[in-house]
Amino acid sequence: MDLIEATGLVKRYKRRGSWLDPGHTVTAVADVDLRLTAGEVFGVIGESGSGKSTLGRLLIGMERPDAGSIALGGRDLWSMTRSDRRAVRRAVQIVFQDPFSSLDPRMNVAAIIAEPIQATSSLSKAGIAGRVEKALAEVGLDPAAGRRFPHEFSGGQRQRIAIARAIAVEPSYLILDEPISSLDVSVGAQILELLERIRAAHGAGYLIISHNLAHVRNVAQRVAVMREGRIVEVGPVDEVFVHPRHAYTTELLSAVPRLAVAQT
């Protein structure tokens, strides 16, 4: 079953100019088709500015496309009423690259995790509190952490809080936008192990947006390669990494010699 289906997605941004430069329009995502199946791990790779993060925001409904459609569970996202869209969007959550900027510093951790639960469910206060404690435990944090604020935690702990917020509503799919790029190697490895445990326990699908080709190679079943807003190649991860069809994919892999050699 296709949980998320995107057809012909286009997103443009108007860049402001000056009295010397009238500005111009940049196409961040150009005619992208994508199908994400429940339970699978799908990777999106490409250099900075290729449109990966914009695609992630479009898929979750954080931004509206200029053209094309997005269906969640067979229902067109932008044809729904606002209340229906909020309920369906619960199935897809996102974890951002920088946990500090994605966590409201004015709210304690319990309130941060409770916010999406309150927005998408009719649970009682006790039910919400129970769900918050469960999410904290799943990411390896003590329930007492709920009384503290984001600035009191390390970068790795803040990313655990961001993950707890995402899984608290029990989504079917997580979009992971460079989830470890702001962390050091050892902490990043711990976060990857945590994400894999969560996926195994809940059967959720993942869309992994990453510059780390080795990470995507190790965990994804399918992968898409983006360049200048377009998907230039998509397929099973072994096929794309070992026998790339597009010249850009070959160029991307050749920039990481050890990875390229390991797969030939």
C-alpha atoms as a PDB file:
ATOM      1  CA  MET A   1       0.000   0.000   0.000  1.00  0.00           C
ATOM      2  CA  ASP A   2       1.263   3.490  -0.856  1.00  0.00           C
ATOM      3  CA  LEU A   3       1.080   5.600   2.272  1.00  0.00           C
ATOM      4  CA  ILE A   4       2.362   8.760   0.579  1.00  0.00           C
ATOM      5  CA  GLU A   5       2.028   9.440  -3.129  1.00  0.00           C
ATOM      6  CA  ALA A   6       3.328  12.625  -4.707  1.00  0.00           C
ATOM      7  CA  THR A   7       2.597  13.450  -8.327  1.00  0.00           C
ATOM      8  CA  GLY A   8       4.143  16.244 -10.371  1.00  0.00           C
ATOM      9  CA  LEU A   9       5.307  18.270  -7.354  1.00  0.00           C
ATOM     10  CA  VAL A  10       6.634  21.744  -8.104  1.00  0.00           C
ATOM     11  CA  LYS A  11       7.796  24.337  -5.572  1.00  0.00           C
ATOM     12  CA  ARG A  12       9.200  27.751  -6.469  1.00  0.00           C
ATOM     13  CA  TYR A  13      10.539  30.554  -4.306  1.00  0.00           C
ATOM     14  CA  LYS A  14      10.831  34.212  -5.173  1.00  0.00           C
ATOM     15  CA  ARG A  15      14.251  35.510  -4.208  1.00  0.00           C
ATOM     16  CA  ARG A  16      14.313  39.157  -3.217  1.00  0.00           C
ATOM     17  CA  GLY A  17      16.538  41.446  -5.194  1.00  0.00           C
ATOM     18  CA  SER A  18      17.857  44.963  -4.734  1.00  0.00           C
ATOM     19  CA  TRP A  19      17.829  48.165  -6.734  1.00  0.00           C
ATOM     20  CA  LEU A  20      20.568  46.606  -8.859  1.00  0.00           C
ATOM     21  CA  ASP A  21      18.988  43.139  -8.989  1.00  0.00           C
ATOM     22  CA  PRO A  22      15.232  42.730  -9.601  1.00  0.00           C
ATOM     23  CA  GLY A  23      15.291  39.285  -8.018  1.00  0.00           C
ATOM     24  CA  HIS A  24      14.391  35.987  -9.584  1.00  0.00           C
ATOM     25  CA  THR A  25      12.415  32.796  -9.102  1.00  0.00           C
ATOM     26  CA  VAL A  26      14.162  29.611  -7.971  1.00  0.00           C
ATOM     27  CA  THR A  27      12.600  26.214  -8.589  1.00  0.00           C
ATOM     28  CA  ALA A  28      13.421  24.085  -5.549  1.00  0.00           C
ATOM     29  CA  VAL A  29      11.371  21.028  -6.560  1.00  0.00           C
ATOM     30  CA  ALA A  30      10.585  20.313 -10.211  1.00  0.00           C
ATOM     31  CA  ASP A  31       7.989  17.780 -11.372  1.00  0.00           C
ATOM     32  CA  VAL A  32       8.717  15.146  -8.710  1.00  0.00           C
ATOM     33  CA  ASP A  33       6.784  11.862  -8.564  1.00  0.00           C
ATOM     34  CA  LEU A  34       7.319   9.682  -5.487  1.00  0.00           C
ATOM     35  CA  ARG A  35       5.576   6.752  -3.815  1.00  0.00           C
ATOM     36  CA  LEU A  36       6.410   5.785  -0.240  1.00  0.00           C
ATOM     37  CA  THR A  37       5.114   2.469   1.048  1.00  0.00           C
ATOM     38  CA  ALA A  38       4.118   1.859   4.649  1.00  0.00           C
ATOM     39  CA  GLY A  39       6.889   0.108   6.572  1.00  0.00           C
ATOM     40  CA  GLU A  40       9.722   0.736   4.115  1.00  0.00           C
ATOM     41  CA  VAL A  41      12.878   2.789   4.565  1.00  0.00           C
ATOM     42  CA  PHE A  42      13.382   5.157   1.652  1.00  0.00           C
ATOM     43  CA  GLY A  43      16.454   7.337   1.211  1.00  0.00           C
ATOM     44  CA  VAL A  44      16.815  10.663  -0.595  1.00  0.00           C
ATOM     45  CA  ILE A  45      20.360  11.758  -1.411  1.00  0.00           C
ATOM     46  CA  GLY A  46      21.882  14.674  -3.283  1.00  0.00           C
ATOM     47  CA  GLU A  47      24.144  17.647  -2.721  1.00  0.00           C
ATOM     48  CA  SER A  48      23.125  20.746  -0.754  1.00  0.00           C
ATOM     49  CA  GLY A  49      20.543  22.802  -2.600  1.00  0.00           C
ATOM     50  CA  SER A  50      19.207  19.839  -4.559  1.00  0.00           C
ATOM     51  CA  GLY A  51      15.707  20.199  -3.063  1.00  0.00           C
ATOM     52  CA  LYS A  52      15.739  17.310  -0.583  1.00  0.00           C
ATOM     53  CA  SER A  53      14.557  19.232   2.467  1.00  0.00           C
ATOM     54  CA  THR A  54      11.952  21.157   0.482  1.00  0.00           C
ATOM     55  CA  LEU A  55      10.569  17.845  -0.736  1.00  0.00           C
ATOM     56  CA  GLY A  56      10.314  16.620   2.862  1.00  0.00           C
ATOM     57  CA  ARG A  57       8.394  19.733   3.930  1.00  0.00           C
ATOM     58  CA  LEU A  58       6.020  19.349   0.996  1.00  0.00           C
ATOM     59  CA  LEU A  59       5.316  15.702   1.776  1.00  0.00           C
ATOM     60  CA  ILE A  60       4.295  16.470   5.340  1.00  0.00           C
ATOM     61  CA  GLY A  61       2.182  19.466   4.331  1.00  0.00           C
ATOM     62  CA  MET A  62       4.361  22.118   5.965  1.00  0.00           C
ATOM     63  CA  GLU A  63       4.454  23.907   2.618  1.00  0.00           C
ATOM     64  CA  ARG A  64       1.967  23.894  -0.226  1.00  0.00           C
ATOM     65  CA  PRO A  65       3.223  22.958  -3.700  1.00  0.00           C
ATOM     66  CA  ASP A  66       2.818  25.375  -6.589  1.00  0.00           C
ATOM     67  CA  ALA A  67       1.734  22.445  -8.744  1.00  0.00           C
ATOM     68  CA  GLY A  68       1.114  18.727  -8.337  1.00  0.00           C
ATOM     69  CA  SER A  69      -0.633  16.712  -5.636  1.00  0.00           C
ATOM     70  CA  ILE A  70       0.140  14.808  -2.434  1.00  0.00           C
ATOM     71  CA  ALA A  71      -2.031  11.951  -1.215  1.00  0.00           C
ATOM     72  CA  LEU A  72      -1.807  10.497   2.281  1.00  0.00           C
ATOM     73  CA  GLY A  73      -3.448   7.097   2.562  1.00  0.00           C
ATOM     74  CA  GLY A  74      -5.190   7.674  -0.740  1.00  0.00           C
ATOM     75  CA  ARG A  75      -6.640  11.072   0.224  1.00  0.00           C
ATOM     76  CA  ASP A  76      -5.495  14.280  -1.428  1.00  0.00           C
ATOM     77  CA  LEU A  77      -3.878  16.391   1.300  1.00  0.00           C
ATOM     78  CA  TRP A  78      -4.836  19.830   0.020  1.00  0.00           C
ATOM     79  CA  SER A  79      -8.415  18.918  -0.922  1.00  0.00           C
ATOM     80  CA  MET A  80      -9.288  18.045   2.680  1.00  0.00           C
ATOM     81  CA  THR A  81     -10.831  20.350   5.231  1.00  0.00           C
ATOM     82  CA  ARG A  82      -8.361  21.752   7.751  1.00  0.00           C
ATOM     83  CA  SER A  83      -9.609  19.420  10.503  1.00  0.00           C
ATOM     84  CA  ASP A  84      -9.391  16.351   8.236  1.00  0.00           C
ATOM     85  CA  ARG A  85      -5.932  17.394   7.098  1.00  0.00           C
ATOM     86  CA  ARG A  86      -4.769  17.711  10.700  1.00  0.00           C
ATOM     87  CA  ALA A  87      -6.076  14.230  11.538  1.00  0.00           C
ATOM     88  CA  VAL A  88      -4.527  12.573   8.482  1.00  0.00           C
ATOM     89  CA  ARG A  89      -1.238  14.445   8.925  1.00  0.00           C
ATOM     90  CA  ARG A  90      -0.852  12.701  12.280  1.00  0.00           C
ATOM     91  CA  ALA A  91       0.206   9.630  10.284  1.00  0.00           C
ATOM     92  CA  VAL A  92       3.328  11.425   9.033  1.00  0.00           C
ATOM     93  CA  GLN A  93       5.739  13.229  11.359  1.00  0.00           C
ATOM     94  CA  ILE A  94       9.093  14.908  10.800  1.00  0.00           C
ATOM     95  CA  VAL A  95      12.396  15.106  12.706  1.00  0.00           C
ATOM     96  CA  PHE A  96      14.582  18.044  11.704  1.00  0.00           C
ATOM     97  CA  GLN A  97      18.339  18.415  11.396  1.00  0.00           C
ATOM     98  CA  ASP A  98      18.794  20.923  14.225  1.00  0.00           C
ATOM     99  CA  PRO A  99      16.874  19.878  17.336  1.00  0.00           C
ATOM    100  CA  PHE A 100      17.613  23.129  19.173  1.00  0.00           C
ATOM    101  CA  SER A 101      15.890  25.333  16.589  1.00  0.00           C
ATOM    102  CA  SER A 102      12.950  22.933  16.266  1.00  0.00           C
ATOM    103  CA  LEU A 103      12.160  22.885  20.014  1.00  0.00           C
ATOM    104  CA  ASP A 104      10.403  25.890  21.547  1.00  0.00           C
ATOM    105  CA  PRO A 105      12.762  27.161  24.289  1.00  0.00           C
ATOM    106  CA  ARG A 106       9.807  28.632  26.219  1.00  0.00           C
ATOM    107  CA  MET A 107       8.162  25.233  26.700  1.00  0.00           C
ATOM    108  CA  ASN A 108       9.299  22.412  28.921  1.00  0.00           C
ATOM    109  CA  VAL A 109       9.895  19.004  27.358  1.00  0.00           C
ATOM    110  CA  ALA A 110       6.569  17.522  28.488  1.00  0.00           C
ATOM    111  CA  ALA A 111       4.664  20.404  26.882  1.00  0.00           C
ATOM    112  CA  ILE A 112       6.692  20.087  23.664  1.00  0.00           C
ATOM    113  CA  ILE A 113       5.880  16.387  23.329  1.00  0.00           C
ATOM    114  CA  ALA A 114       2.258  16.876  24.387  1.00  0.00           C
ATOM    115  CA  GLU A 115       1.564  19.595  21.803  1.00  0.00           C
ATOM    116  CA  PRO A 116       1.078  17.329  18.739  1.00  0.00           C
ATOM    117  CA  ILE A 117      -0.908  14.823  20.828  1.00  0.00           C
ATOM    118  CA  GLN A 118      -3.320  17.551  21.895  1.00  0.00           C
ATOM    119  CA  ALA A 119      -3.634  18.746  18.294  1.00  0.00           C
ATOM    120  CA  THR A 120      -4.438  15.330  16.815  1.00  0.00           C
ATOM    121  CA  SER A 121      -6.295  13.392  19.514  1.00  0.00           C
ATOM    122  CA  SER A 122      -9.050  13.669  22.121  1.00  0.00           C
ATOM    123  CA  LEU A 123      -7.085  12.039  24.929  1.00  0.00           C
ATOM    124  CA  SER A 124      -7.633  13.192  28.500  1.00  0.00           C
ATOM    125  CA  LYS A 125      -4.900  15.035  30.402  1.00  0.00           C
ATOM    126  CA  ALA A 126      -3.962  11.760  32.084  1.00  0.00           C
ATOM    127  CA  GLY A 127      -3.876   9.996  28.726  1.00  0.00           C
ATOM    128  CA  ILE A 128      -1.643  12.664  27.240  1.00  0.00           C
ATOM    129  CA  ALA A 129       0.688  12.550  30.247  1.00  0.00           C
ATOM    130  CA  GLY A 130       0.938   8.775  29.881  1.00  0.00           C
ATOM    131  CA  ARG A 131       1.729   9.082  26.192  1.00  0.00           C
ATOM    132  CA  VAL A 132       4.447  11.664  26.964  1.00  0.00           C
ATOM    133  CA  GLU A 133       6.082   9.396  29.549  1.00  0.00           C
ATOM    134  CA  LYS A 134       5.938   6.458  27.138  1.00  0.00           C
ATOM    135  CA  ALA A 135       7.610   8.486  24.366  1.00  0.00           C
ATOM    136  CA  LEU A 136      10.365   9.670  26.709  1.00  0.00           C
ATOM    137  CA  ALA A 137      11.029   6.096  27.819  1.00  0.00           C
ATOM    138  CA  GLU A 138      11.206   4.900  24.204  1.00  0.00           C
ATOM    139  CA  VAL A 139      13.964   7.382  23.416  1.00  0.00           C
ATOM    140  CA  GLY A 140      15.903   6.536  26.570  1.00  0.00           C
ATOM    141  CA  LEU A 141      15.049   9.572  28.717  1.00  0.00           C
ATOM    142  CA  ASP A 142      13.764   9.605  32.277  1.00  0.00           C
ATOM    143  CA  PRO A 143      10.184  10.882  32.750  1.00  0.00           C
ATOM    144  CA  ALA A 144      11.622  13.598  35.019  1.00  0.00           C
ATOM    145  CA  ALA A 145      13.145  15.128  31.871  1.00  0.00           C
ATOM    146  CA  GLY A 146       9.672  16.366  31.028  1.00  0.00           C
ATOM    147  CA  ARG A 147       9.965  19.116  33.638  1.00  0.00           C
ATOM    148  CA  ARG A 148      13.139  20.552  32.115  1.00  0.00           C
ATOM    149  CA  PHE A 149      13.712  22.875  29.158  1.00  0.00           C
ATOM    150  CA  PRO A 150      15.578  22.257  25.854  1.00  0.00           C
ATOM    151  CA  HIS A 151      18.617  24.364  26.763  1.00  0.00           C
ATOM    152  CA  GLU A 152      19.317  22.050  29.701  1.00  0.00           C
ATOM    153  CA  PHE A 153      20.129  19.116  27.411  1.00  0.00           C
ATOM    154  CA  SER A 154      22.986  18.125  25.107  1.00  0.00           C
ATOM    155  CA  GLY A 155      22.551  18.044  21.338  1.00  0.00           C
ATOM    156  CA  GLY A 156      22.019  14.289  21.292  1.00  0.00           C
ATOM    157  CA  GLN A 157      19.451  14.486  24.096  1.00  0.00           C
ATOM    158  CA  ARG A 158      17.603  17.273  22.285  1.00  0.00           C
ATOM    159  CA  GLN A 159      17.399  15.094  19.191  1.00  0.00           C
ATOM    160  CA  ARG A 160      15.949  12.317  21.361  1.00  0.00           C
ATOM    161  CA  ILE A 161      13.322  14.814  22.557  1.00  0.00           C
ATOM    162  CA  ALA A 162      12.523  15.737  18.943  1.00  0.00           C
ATOM    163  CA  ILE A 163      12.131  12.044  18.122  1.00  0.00           C
ATOM    164  CA  ALA A 164       9.915  11.549  21.193  1.00  0.00           C
ATOM    165  CA  ARG A 165       7.672  14.379  19.987  1.00  0.00           C
ATOM    166  CA  ALA A 166       7.395  12.764  16.554  1.00  0.00           C
ATOM    167  CA  ILE A 167       6.586   9.246  17.773  1.00  0.00           C
ATOM    168  CA  ALA A 168       4.195  10.381  20.548  1.00  0.00           C
ATOM    169  CA  VAL A 169       1.292  10.478  18.077  1.00  0.00           C
ATOM    170  CA  GLU A 170       2.158   6.967  16.856  1.00  0.00           C
ATOM    171  CA  PRO A 171       2.744   7.862  13.181  1.00  0.00           C
ATOM    172  CA  SER A 172       2.936   5.416  10.304  1.00  0.00           C
ATOM    173  CA  TYR A 173       5.807   7.309   8.675  1.00  0.00           C
ATOM    174  CA  LEU A 174       8.703   9.455   9.878  1.00  0.00           C
ATOM    175  CA  ILE A 175      10.509  11.944   7.665  1.00  0.00           C
ATOM    176  CA  LEU A 176      14.066  12.278   8.963  1.00  0.00           C
ATOM    177  CA  ASP A 177      15.713  15.410   7.567  1.00  0.00           C
ATOM    178  CA  GLU A 178      19.461  15.034   8.164  1.00  0.00           C
ATOM    179  CA  PRO A 179      18.756  13.732  11.700  1.00  0.00           C
ATOM    180  CA  ILE A 180      22.411  13.270  12.725  1.00  0.00           C
ATOM    181  CA  SER A 181      24.362  15.822  10.687  1.00  0.00           C
ATOM    182  CA  SER A 182      24.565  18.302  13.597  1.00  0.00           C
ATOM    183  CA  LEU A 183      25.827  15.630  16.018  1.00  0.00           C
ATOM    184  CA  ASP A 184      29.273  14.153  16.533  1.00  0.00           C
ATOM    185  CA  VAL A 185      29.942  10.689  15.151  1.00  0.00           C
ATOM    186  CA  SER A 186      29.436   8.649  18.319  1.00  0.00           C
ATOM    187  CA  VAL A 187      26.223  10.438  19.328  1.00  0.00           C
ATOM    188  CA  GLY A 188      24.950  10.198  15.755  1.00  0.00           C
ATOM    189  CA  ALA A 189      25.514   6.438  15.802  1.00  0.00           C
ATOM    190  CA  GLN A 190      23.475   6.176  19.007  1.00  0.00           C
ATOM    191  CA  ILE A 191      20.613   8.129  17.411  1.00  0.00           C
ATOM    192  CA  LEU A 192      20.666   5.838  14.365  1.00  0.00           C
ATOM    193  CA  GLU A 193      20.491   2.777  16.610  1.00  0.00           C
ATOM    194  CA  LEU A 194      17.579   4.364  18.483  1.00  0.00           C
ATOM    195  CA  LEU A 195      15.700   5.076  15.258  1.00  0.00           C
ATOM    196  CA  GLU A 196      16.174   1.504  14.097  1.00  0.00           C
ATOM    197  CA  ARG A 197      14.845   0.150  17.415  1.00  0.00           C
ATOM    198  CA  ILE A 198      11.789   2.393  17.143  1.00  0.00           C
ATOM    199  CA  ARG A 199      11.157   1.294  13.572  1.00  0.00           C
ATOM    200  CA  ALA A 200      11.466  -2.376  14.501  1.00  0.00           C
ATOM    201  CA  ALA A 201       9.106  -1.940  17.452  1.00  0.00           C
ATOM    202  CA  HIS A 202       6.415   0.026  15.615  1.00  0.00           C
ATOM    203  CA  GLY A 203       6.795  -0.983  11.975  1.00  0.00           C
ATOM    204  CA  ALA A 204       6.825   2.654  10.883  1.00  0.00           C
ATOM    205  CA  GLY A 205       8.284   3.633   7.530  1.00  0.00           C
ATOM    206  CA  TYR A 206      11.120   6.152   7.253  1.00  0.00           C
ATOM    207  CA  LEU A 207      12.060   8.693   4.619  1.00  0.00           C
ATOM    208  CA  ILE A 208      15.725   9.504   5.291  1.00  0.00           C
ATOM    209  CA  ILE A 209      17.069  12.722   3.785  1.00  0.00           C
ATOM    210  CA  SER A 210      20.816  12.607   4.168  1.00  0.00           C
ATOM    211  CA  HIS A 211      24.237  13.655   2.882  1.00  0.00           C
ATOM    212  CA  ASN A 212      25.601  10.517   4.553  1.00  0.00           C
ATOM    213  CA  LEU A 213      25.606   8.039   1.683  1.00  0.00           C
ATOM    214  CA  ALA A 214      26.954   5.209   3.840  1.00  0.00           C
ATOM    215  CA  HIS A 215      24.077   5.662   6.273  1.00  0.00           C
ATOM    216  CA  VAL A 216      21.487   5.532   3.491  1.00  0.00           C
ATOM    217  CA  ARG A 217      23.253   2.557   1.890  1.00  0.00           C
ATOM    218  CA  ASN A 218      23.094   0.622   5.153  1.00  0.00           C
ATOM    219  CA  VAL A 219      19.484   1.243   6.182  1.00  0.00           C
ATOM    220  CA  ALA A 220      17.354   2.033   3.113  1.00  0.00           C
ATOM    221  CA  GLN A 221      15.565  -0.393   0.829  1.00  0.00           C
ATOM    222  CA  ARG A 222      15.001   2.138  -1.960  1.00  0.00           C
ATOM    223  CA  VAL A 223      16.730   5.405  -2.740  1.00  0.00           C
ATOM    224  CA  ALA A 224      16.105   8.478  -4.869  1.00  0.00           C
ATOM    225  CA  VAL A 225      18.854  10.759  -6.152  1.00  0.00           C
ATOM    226  CA  MET A 226      17.970  14.453  -6.439  1.00  0.00           C
ATOM    227  CA  ARG A 227      19.697  17.074  -8.511  1.00  0.00           C
ATOM    228  CA  GLU A 228      18.522  20.656  -9.019  1.00  0.00           C
ATOM    229  CA  GLY A 229      15.055  19.849  -7.749  1.00  0.00           C
ATOM    230  CA  ARG A 230      14.515  16.741  -9.858  1.00  0.00           C
ATOM    231  CA  ILE A 231      14.744  13.048  -9.087  1.00  0.00           C
ATOM    232  CA  VAL A 232      17.255  11.795 -11.634  1.00  0.00           C
ATOM    233  CA  GLU A 233      17.369   8.182 -10.464  1.00  0.00           C
ATOM    234  CA  VAL A 234      15.325   5.968  -8.168  1.00  0.00           C
ATOM    235  CA  GLY A 235      15.442   2.271  -7.409  1.00  0.00           C
ATOM    236  CA  PRO A 236      16.509  -0.463  -4.981  1.00  0.00           C
ATOM    237  CA  VAL A 237      19.450   0.766  -2.949  1.00  0.00           C
ATOM    238  CA  ASP A 238      21.811  -2.026  -4.039  1.00  0.00           C
ATOM    239  CA  GLU A 239      21.057  -1.368  -7.700  1.00  0.00           C
ATOM    240  CA  VAL A 240      21.522   2.402  -7.471  1.00  0.00           C
ATOM    241  CA  PHE A 241      24.712   2.281  -5.373  1.00  0.00           C
ATOM    242  CA  VAL A 242      26.390  -0.601  -7.193  1.00  0.00           C
ATOM    243  CA  HIS A 243      25.190  -0.007 -10.765  1.00  0.00           C
ATOM    244  CA  PRO A 244      24.139   3.647 -11.052  1.00  0.00           C
ATOM    245  CA  ARG A 245      22.454   4.552 -14.330  1.00  0.00           C
ATOM    246  CA  HIS A 246      22.690   8.340 -14.177  1.00  0.00           C
ATOM    247  CA  ALA A 247      25.968  10.218 -14.577  1.00  0.00           C
ATOM    248  CA  TYR A 248      25.175  12.428 -11.578  1.00  0.00           C
ATOM    249  CA  THR A 249      24.724   9.379  -9.334  1.00  0.00           C
ATOM    250  CA  THR A 250      28.112   8.099 -10.441  1.00  0.00           C
ATOM    251  CA  GLU A 251      29.623  11.509  -9.704  1.00  0.00           C
ATOM    252  CA  LEU A 252      28.005  11.595  -6.261  1.00  0.00           C
ATOM    253  CA  LEU A 253      29.325   8.148  -5.367  1.00  0.00           C
ATOM    254  CA  SER A 254      32.792   8.874  -6.698  1.00  0.00           C
ATOM    255  CA  ALA A 255      33.040  11.767  -4.231  1.00  0.00           C
ATOM    256  CA  VAL A 256      33.089   9.135  -1.450  1.00  0.00           C
ATOM    257  CA  PRO A 257      35.838   6.767  -2.686  1.00  0.00           C
ATOM    258  CA  ARG A 258      35.732   4.298   0.196  1.00  0.00           C
ATOM    259  CA  LEU A 259      31.986   3.811  -0.190  1.00  0.00           C
ATOM    260  CA  ALA A 260      32.245   3.423  -3.957  1.00  0.00           C
ATOM    261  CA  VAL A 261      35.022   0.867  -3.690  1.00  0.00           C
ATOM    262  CA  ALA A 262      33.236  -1.081  -0.966  1.00  0.00           C
ATOM    263  CA  GLN A 263      30.225  -1.645  -3.202  1.00  0.00           C
ATOM    264  CA  THR A 264      32.025  -2.704  -6.411  1.00  0.00           C
END
